[in-house]
Amino acid sequence: MNYELEEMDVNYFGLDKRKTALLIIDVQEKLTPVMKKDVYEKIKNNILILAKGANKLNIPIFYTQQYTKGLGETDPDIKKELNDATFYEKTSFSCCGEDTFLDSFMEMDFESVIVAGMETHICVLQTVTDLVANGMAVHVAADAVCSRDKFNWKFGLEFMKDAGAIITVTETALFQLLGKAGTENFKYISKLVK
């Protein structure tokens, strides 16, 4: 049996803040009310933590809106954290189905991307599988994605894992990006996740 790994395989599960992006998918005003309220509040909180953490660590943030005319704008609380983020309007379920998204995203030479948003089993899933197919190490924050019902959420996570995505949680992703304690960034992130 051959146990040699290529360099990319060794780093596949890690997150390097210099080569990672955050992608927030379709957290929109007219879509959020159809989610279970308590579930959405937890998801929203974790997306805010990811966005604030990414801003502090200078990690590029991308966000999308699916058919804004029908589904509205991004949740205003989340949008407040996206001042320097790159925005994409889309009608394709997968972000990669839009003409400019995949080319511009891949040109930035990221090795990995942390994904949050909704719905887990539709737009998140299709985007994640497309990014994996294009060689990206995709970390799906399970506590920062949601669907209208728990079965679809669980199905989406299992499908993405089977497709090669890494299923993680908000805290794990942020602490992987930090790498060590004892820094100002560590203090900031530690307060965020309390």
C-alpha atoms as a PDB file:
ATOM      1  CA  MET A   1       0.000   0.000   0.000  1.00  0.00           C
ATOM      2  CA  ASN A   2       1.290   3.458  -0.897  1.00  0.00           C
ATOM      3  CA  TYR A   3       1.148   5.959   1.977  1.00  0.00           C
ATOM      4  CA  GLU A   4       2.849   8.836   0.193  1.00  0.00           C
ATOM      5  CA  LEU A   5       0.769  11.989   0.010  1.00  0.00           C
ATOM      6  CA  GLU A   6       1.125  14.918  -2.306  1.00  0.00           C
ATOM      7  CA  GLU A   7       1.656  18.312  -0.686  1.00  0.00           C
ATOM      8  CA  MET A   8      -1.948  19.387  -1.371  1.00  0.00           C
ATOM      9  CA  ASP A   9      -3.283  16.260   0.357  1.00  0.00           C
ATOM     10  CA  VAL A  10      -1.254  16.974   3.506  1.00  0.00           C
ATOM     11  CA  ASN A  11      -2.732  20.475   3.844  1.00  0.00           C
ATOM     12  CA  TYR A  12      -6.237  19.581   2.682  1.00  0.00           C
ATOM     13  CA  PHE A  13      -7.739  19.570   6.181  1.00  0.00           C
ATOM     14  CA  GLY A  14      -5.881  22.634   7.404  1.00  0.00           C
ATOM     15  CA  LEU A  15      -6.765  26.289   7.042  1.00  0.00           C
ATOM     16  CA  ASP A  16      -4.088  28.875   6.290  1.00  0.00           C
ATOM     17  CA  LYS A  17      -5.404  32.402   6.786  1.00  0.00           C
ATOM     18  CA  ARG A  18      -3.222  33.602   3.897  1.00  0.00           C
ATOM     19  CA  LYS A  19      -4.897  31.189   1.454  1.00  0.00           C
ATOM     20  CA  THR A  20      -8.478  30.957   2.752  1.00  0.00           C
ATOM     21  CA  ALA A  21     -11.684  32.810   1.913  1.00  0.00           C
ATOM     22  CA  LEU A  22     -15.124  32.930   3.528  1.00  0.00           C
ATOM     23  CA  LEU A  23     -18.186  32.452   1.316  1.00  0.00           C
ATOM     24  CA  ILE A  24     -21.639  33.359   2.690  1.00  0.00           C
ATOM     25  CA  ILE A  25     -24.444  32.086   0.481  1.00  0.00           C
ATOM     26  CA  ASP A  26     -27.942  33.604   0.177  1.00  0.00           C
ATOM     27  CA  VAL A  27     -28.777  34.669   3.751  1.00  0.00           C
ATOM     28  CA  GLN A  28     -31.649  36.831   2.516  1.00  0.00           C
ATOM     29  CA  GLU A  29     -34.562  38.638   4.149  1.00  0.00           C
ATOM     30  CA  LYS A  30     -37.366  36.743   2.408  1.00  0.00           C
ATOM     31  CA  LEU A  31     -35.680  33.357   2.812  1.00  0.00           C
ATOM     32  CA  THR A  32     -34.859  33.583   6.518  1.00  0.00           C
ATOM     33  CA  PRO A  33     -38.503  33.634   7.770  1.00  0.00           C
ATOM     34  CA  VAL A  34     -39.134  30.139   6.353  1.00  0.00           C
ATOM     35  CA  MET A  35     -36.364  28.720   8.563  1.00  0.00           C
ATOM     36  CA  LYS A  36     -37.139  27.620  12.114  1.00  0.00           C
ATOM     37  CA  LYS A  37     -36.648  30.772  14.182  1.00  0.00           C
ATOM     38  CA  ASP A  38     -34.405  29.279  16.879  1.00  0.00           C
ATOM     39  CA  VAL A  39     -32.295  27.463  14.281  1.00  0.00           C
ATOM     40  CA  TYR A  40     -31.907  30.586  12.163  1.00  0.00           C
ATOM     41  CA  GLU A  41     -30.870  32.688  15.171  1.00  0.00           C
ATOM     42  CA  LYS A  42     -28.066  30.204  15.955  1.00  0.00           C
ATOM     43  CA  ILE A  43     -26.991  30.057  12.320  1.00  0.00           C
ATOM     44  CA  LYS A  44     -27.061  33.843  12.027  1.00  0.00           C
ATOM     45  CA  ASN A  45     -24.956  34.207  15.175  1.00  0.00           C
ATOM     46  CA  ASN A  46     -22.352  31.787  13.818  1.00  0.00           C
ATOM     47  CA  ILE A  47     -22.270  33.543  10.442  1.00  0.00           C
ATOM     48  CA  LEU A  48     -21.692  36.830  12.280  1.00  0.00           C
ATOM     49  CA  ILE A  49     -18.865  35.216  14.267  1.00  0.00           C
ATOM     50  CA  LEU A  50     -17.290  33.902  11.057  1.00  0.00           C
ATOM     51  CA  ALA A  51     -17.610  37.288   9.334  1.00  0.00           C
ATOM     52  CA  LYS A  52     -16.186  39.228  12.291  1.00  0.00           C
ATOM     53  CA  GLY A  53     -13.378  36.698  12.642  1.00  0.00           C
ATOM     54  CA  ALA A  54     -12.602  36.860   8.927  1.00  0.00           C
ATOM     55  CA  ASN A  55     -12.527  40.657   9.054  1.00  0.00           C
ATOM     56  CA  LYS A  56     -10.138  40.606  12.027  1.00  0.00           C
ATOM     57  CA  LEU A  57      -7.844  38.067  10.328  1.00  0.00           C
ATOM     58  CA  ASN A  58      -7.971  39.899   6.957  1.00  0.00           C
ATOM     59  CA  ILE A  59      -9.586  36.930   5.234  1.00  0.00           C
ATOM     60  CA  PRO A  60     -11.461  37.872   2.052  1.00  0.00           C
ATOM     61  CA  ILE A  61     -15.238  37.510   2.287  1.00  0.00           C
ATOM     62  CA  PHE A  62     -17.550  36.777  -0.616  1.00  0.00           C
ATOM     63  CA  TYR A  63     -21.328  36.757  -0.379  1.00  0.00           C
ATOM     64  CA  THR A  64     -24.166  36.008  -2.743  1.00  0.00           C
ATOM     65  CA  GLN A  65     -27.834  36.754  -3.154  1.00  0.00           C
ATOM     66  CA  GLN A  66     -30.146  34.450  -5.064  1.00  0.00           C
ATOM     67  CA  TYR A  67     -32.609  36.380  -7.247  1.00  0.00           C
ATOM     68  CA  THR A  68     -32.577  39.517  -5.077  1.00  0.00           C
ATOM     69  CA  LYS A  69     -35.772  40.867  -6.684  1.00  0.00           C
ATOM     70  CA  GLY A  70     -37.722  37.933  -5.271  1.00  0.00           C
ATOM     71  CA  LEU A  71     -35.782  36.966  -2.130  1.00  0.00           C
ATOM     72  CA  GLY A  72     -34.613  40.368  -0.920  1.00  0.00           C
ATOM     73  CA  GLU A  73     -31.325  41.624   0.452  1.00  0.00           C
ATOM     74  CA  THR A  74     -28.863  39.928   2.774  1.00  0.00           C
ATOM     75  CA  ASP A  75     -29.923  39.962   6.448  1.00  0.00           C
ATOM     76  CA  PRO A  76     -29.047  43.537   7.548  1.00  0.00           C
ATOM     77  CA  ASP A  77     -27.179  42.420  10.685  1.00  0.00           C
ATOM     78  CA  ILE A  78     -24.920  40.214   8.589  1.00  0.00           C
ATOM     79  CA  LYS A  79     -24.566  42.820   5.845  1.00  0.00           C
ATOM     80  CA  LYS A  80     -23.088  45.255   8.406  1.00  0.00           C
ATOM     81  CA  GLU A  81     -20.059  42.956   8.602  1.00  0.00           C
ATOM     82  CA  LEU A  82     -19.626  42.770   4.823  1.00  0.00           C
ATOM     83  CA  ASN A  83     -18.378  46.284   4.021  1.00  0.00           C
ATOM     84  CA  ASP A  84     -15.245  45.084   2.233  1.00  0.00           C
ATOM     85  CA  ALA A  85     -16.775  41.856   0.919  1.00  0.00           C
ATOM     86  CA  THR A  86     -17.163  40.931  -2.738  1.00  0.00           C
ATOM     87  CA  PHE A  87     -20.811  40.555  -3.785  1.00  0.00           C
ATOM     88  CA  TYR A  88     -22.310  38.302  -6.459  1.00  0.00           C
ATOM     89  CA  GLU A  89     -25.912  38.349  -7.651  1.00  0.00           C
ATOM     90  CA  LYS A  90     -27.022  34.952  -8.903  1.00  0.00           C
ATOM     91  CA  THR A  91     -29.891  32.988 -10.350  1.00  0.00           C
ATOM     92  CA  SER A  92     -28.019  29.675 -10.594  1.00  0.00           C
ATOM     93  CA  PHE A  93     -28.342  27.552  -7.482  1.00  0.00           C
ATOM     94  CA  SER A  94     -24.570  27.013  -7.504  1.00  0.00           C
ATOM     95  CA  CYS A  95     -22.505  30.169  -7.177  1.00  0.00           C
ATOM     96  CA  CYS A  96     -20.219  28.544  -9.751  1.00  0.00           C
ATOM     97  CA  GLY A  97     -23.059  28.604 -12.281  1.00  0.00           C
ATOM     98  CA  GLU A  98     -22.685  32.365 -12.635  1.00  0.00           C
ATOM     99  CA  ASP A  99     -20.362  33.506 -15.412  1.00  0.00           C
ATOM    100  CA  THR A 100     -17.985  35.614 -13.347  1.00  0.00           C
ATOM    101  CA  PHE A 101     -17.966  33.844  -9.985  1.00  0.00           C
ATOM    102  CA  LEU A 102     -15.789  30.795 -10.572  1.00  0.00           C
ATOM    103  CA  ASP A 103     -13.218  32.543 -12.756  1.00  0.00           C
ATOM    104  CA  SER A 104     -12.719  35.466 -10.391  1.00  0.00           C
ATOM    105  CA  PHE A 105     -12.809  33.247  -7.301  1.00  0.00           C
ATOM    106  CA  MET A 106     -10.234  30.782  -8.648  1.00  0.00           C
ATOM    107  CA  GLU A 107      -7.959  33.583  -9.922  1.00  0.00           C
ATOM    108  CA  MET A 108      -7.401  34.685  -6.330  1.00  0.00           C
ATOM    109  CA  ASP A 109      -5.388  31.522  -5.682  1.00  0.00           C
ATOM    110  CA  PHE A 110      -7.167  30.349  -2.542  1.00  0.00           C
ATOM    111  CA  GLU A 111      -6.443  26.820  -1.363  1.00  0.00           C
ATOM    112  CA  SER A 112      -9.491  26.620   0.855  1.00  0.00           C
ATOM    113  CA  VAL A 113     -12.833  28.236   1.493  1.00  0.00           C
ATOM    114  CA  ILE A 114     -15.124  28.216   4.520  1.00  0.00           C
ATOM    115  CA  VAL A 115     -18.777  28.081   3.479  1.00  0.00           C
ATOM    116  CA  ALA A 116     -21.834  29.315   5.393  1.00  0.00           C
ATOM    117  CA  GLY A 117     -25.392  30.143   4.349  1.00  0.00           C
ATOM    118  CA  MET A 118     -28.581  28.578   3.080  1.00  0.00           C
ATOM    119  CA  GLU A 119     -30.079  26.317   2.071  1.00  0.00           C
ATOM    120  CA  THR A 120     -27.750  23.482   2.955  1.00  0.00           C
ATOM    121  CA  HIS A 121     -29.263  20.962   0.545  1.00  0.00           C
ATOM    122  CA  ILE A 122     -29.666  23.288  -2.463  1.00  0.00           C
ATOM    123  CA  CYS A 123     -27.460  26.338  -3.091  1.00  0.00           C
ATOM    124  CA  VAL A 124     -24.820  25.487  -0.494  1.00  0.00           C
ATOM    125  CA  LEU A 125     -24.577  21.874  -1.677  1.00  0.00           C
ATOM    126  CA  GLN A 126     -24.366  22.708  -5.378  1.00  0.00           C
ATOM    127  CA  THR A 127     -21.753  25.408  -4.782  1.00  0.00           C
ATOM    128  CA  VAL A 128     -19.666  23.175  -2.527  1.00  0.00           C
ATOM    129  CA  THR A 129     -19.654  20.234  -4.923  1.00  0.00           C
ATOM    130  CA  ASP A 130     -18.677  22.525  -7.810  1.00  0.00           C
ATOM    131  CA  LEU A 131     -15.824  24.061  -5.794  1.00  0.00           C
ATOM    132  CA  VAL A 132     -14.586  20.605  -4.747  1.00  0.00           C
ATOM    133  CA  ALA A 133     -14.722  19.496  -8.396  1.00  0.00           C
ATOM    134  CA  ASN A 134     -12.510  22.484  -9.225  1.00  0.00           C
ATOM    135  CA  GLY A 135      -9.844  21.424  -6.715  1.00  0.00           C
ATOM    136  CA  MET A 136     -10.777  23.629  -3.777  1.00  0.00           C
ATOM    137  CA  ALA A 137     -10.572  22.372  -0.177  1.00  0.00           C
ATOM    138  CA  VAL A 138     -14.060  23.301   1.044  1.00  0.00           C
ATOM    139  CA  HIS A 139     -14.828  23.543   4.763  1.00  0.00           C
ATOM    140  CA  VAL A 140     -18.587  23.657   5.408  1.00  0.00           C
ATOM    141  CA  ALA A 141     -19.436  25.151   8.804  1.00  0.00           C
ATOM    142  CA  ALA A 142     -22.279  22.819   9.832  1.00  0.00           C
ATOM    143  CA  ASP A 143     -23.413  25.241  12.539  1.00  0.00           C
ATOM    144  CA  ALA A 144     -23.539  28.126  10.035  1.00  0.00           C
ATOM    145  CA  VAL A 145     -25.686  26.506   7.325  1.00  0.00           C
ATOM    146  CA  CYS A 146     -29.375  25.647   7.472  1.00  0.00           C
ATOM    147  CA  SER A 147     -32.354  24.274   5.596  1.00  0.00           C
ATOM    148  CA  ARG A 148     -36.073  24.506   6.218  1.00  0.00           C
ATOM    149  CA  ASP A 149     -36.044  21.115   7.905  1.00  0.00           C
ATOM    150  CA  LYS A 150     -33.455  19.074   9.755  1.00  0.00           C
ATOM    151  CA  PHE A 151     -33.598  16.081   7.390  1.00  0.00           C
ATOM    152  CA  ASN A 152     -32.594  18.222   4.396  1.00  0.00           C
ATOM    153  CA  TRP A 153     -29.834  19.866   6.458  1.00  0.00           C
ATOM    154  CA  LYS A 154     -28.417  16.477   7.500  1.00  0.00           C
ATOM    155  CA  PHE A 155     -28.766  15.088   3.978  1.00  0.00           C
ATOM    156  CA  GLY A 156     -26.952  18.103   2.542  1.00  0.00           C
ATOM    157  CA  LEU A 157     -24.051  17.739   4.985  1.00  0.00           C
ATOM    158  CA  GLU A 158     -23.702  14.009   4.291  1.00  0.00           C
ATOM    159  CA  PHE A 159     -23.834  14.560   0.524  1.00  0.00           C
ATOM    160  CA  MET A 160     -21.152  17.265   0.694  1.00  0.00           C
ATOM    161  CA  LYS A 161     -18.921  15.107   2.899  1.00  0.00           C
ATOM    162  CA  ASP A 162     -19.283  12.202   0.461  1.00  0.00           C
ATOM    163  CA  ALA A 163     -18.370  14.606  -2.367  1.00  0.00           C
ATOM    164  CA  GLY A 164     -15.098  15.524  -0.637  1.00  0.00           C
ATOM    165  CA  ALA A 165     -15.954  18.558   1.488  1.00  0.00           C
ATOM    166  CA  ILE A 166     -14.752  18.888   5.073  1.00  0.00           C
ATOM    167  CA  ILE A 167     -17.588  19.288   7.558  1.00  0.00           C
ATOM    168  CA  THR A 168     -16.490  21.551  10.385  1.00  0.00           C
ATOM    169  CA  VAL A 169     -17.963  24.040  12.866  1.00  0.00           C
ATOM    170  CA  THR A 170     -17.431  27.759  13.330  1.00  0.00           C
ATOM    171  CA  GLU A 171     -15.077  27.515  16.305  1.00  0.00           C
ATOM    172  CA  THR A 172     -12.936  24.803  14.750  1.00  0.00           C
ATOM    173  CA  ALA A 173     -12.495  26.805  11.550  1.00  0.00           C
ATOM    174  CA  LEU A 174     -11.554  30.004  13.380  1.00  0.00           C
ATOM    175  CA  PHE A 175      -9.073  28.294  15.688  1.00  0.00           C
ATOM    176  CA  GLN A 176      -7.508  26.492  12.722  1.00  0.00           C
ATOM    177  CA  LEU A 177      -7.022  29.893  11.120  1.00  0.00           C
ATOM    178  CA  LEU A 178      -5.456  31.260  14.310  1.00  0.00           C
ATOM    179  CA  GLY A 179      -3.014  28.398  14.732  1.00  0.00           C
ATOM    180  CA  LYS A 180      -1.825  29.520  18.179  1.00  0.00           C
ATOM    181  CA  ALA A 181      -2.841  31.319  21.363  1.00  0.00           C
ATOM    182  CA  GLY A 182      -1.301  34.377  22.982  1.00  0.00           C
ATOM    183  CA  THR A 183      -1.957  36.906  20.218  1.00  0.00           C
ATOM    184  CA  GLU A 184      -4.322  39.861  19.907  1.00  0.00           C
ATOM    185  CA  ASN A 185      -6.224  37.932  17.238  1.00  0.00           C
ATOM    186  CA  PHE A 186      -6.580  34.984  19.630  1.00  0.00           C
ATOM    187  CA  LYS A 187      -8.009  37.255  22.342  1.00  0.00           C
ATOM    188  CA  TYR A 188     -10.476  38.772  19.882  1.00  0.00           C
ATOM    189  CA  ILE A 189     -11.643  35.397  18.500  1.00  0.00           C
ATOM    190  CA  SER A 190     -11.891  33.905  22.011  1.00  0.00           C
ATOM    191  CA  LYS A 191     -14.276  36.697  23.035  1.00  0.00           C
ATOM    192  CA  LEU A 192     -16.308  36.231  19.847  1.00  0.00           C
ATOM    193  CA  VAL A 193     -17.008  32.551  20.478  1.00  0.00           C
ATOM    194  CA  LYS A 194     -17.887  32.851  24.199  1.00  0.00           C
END
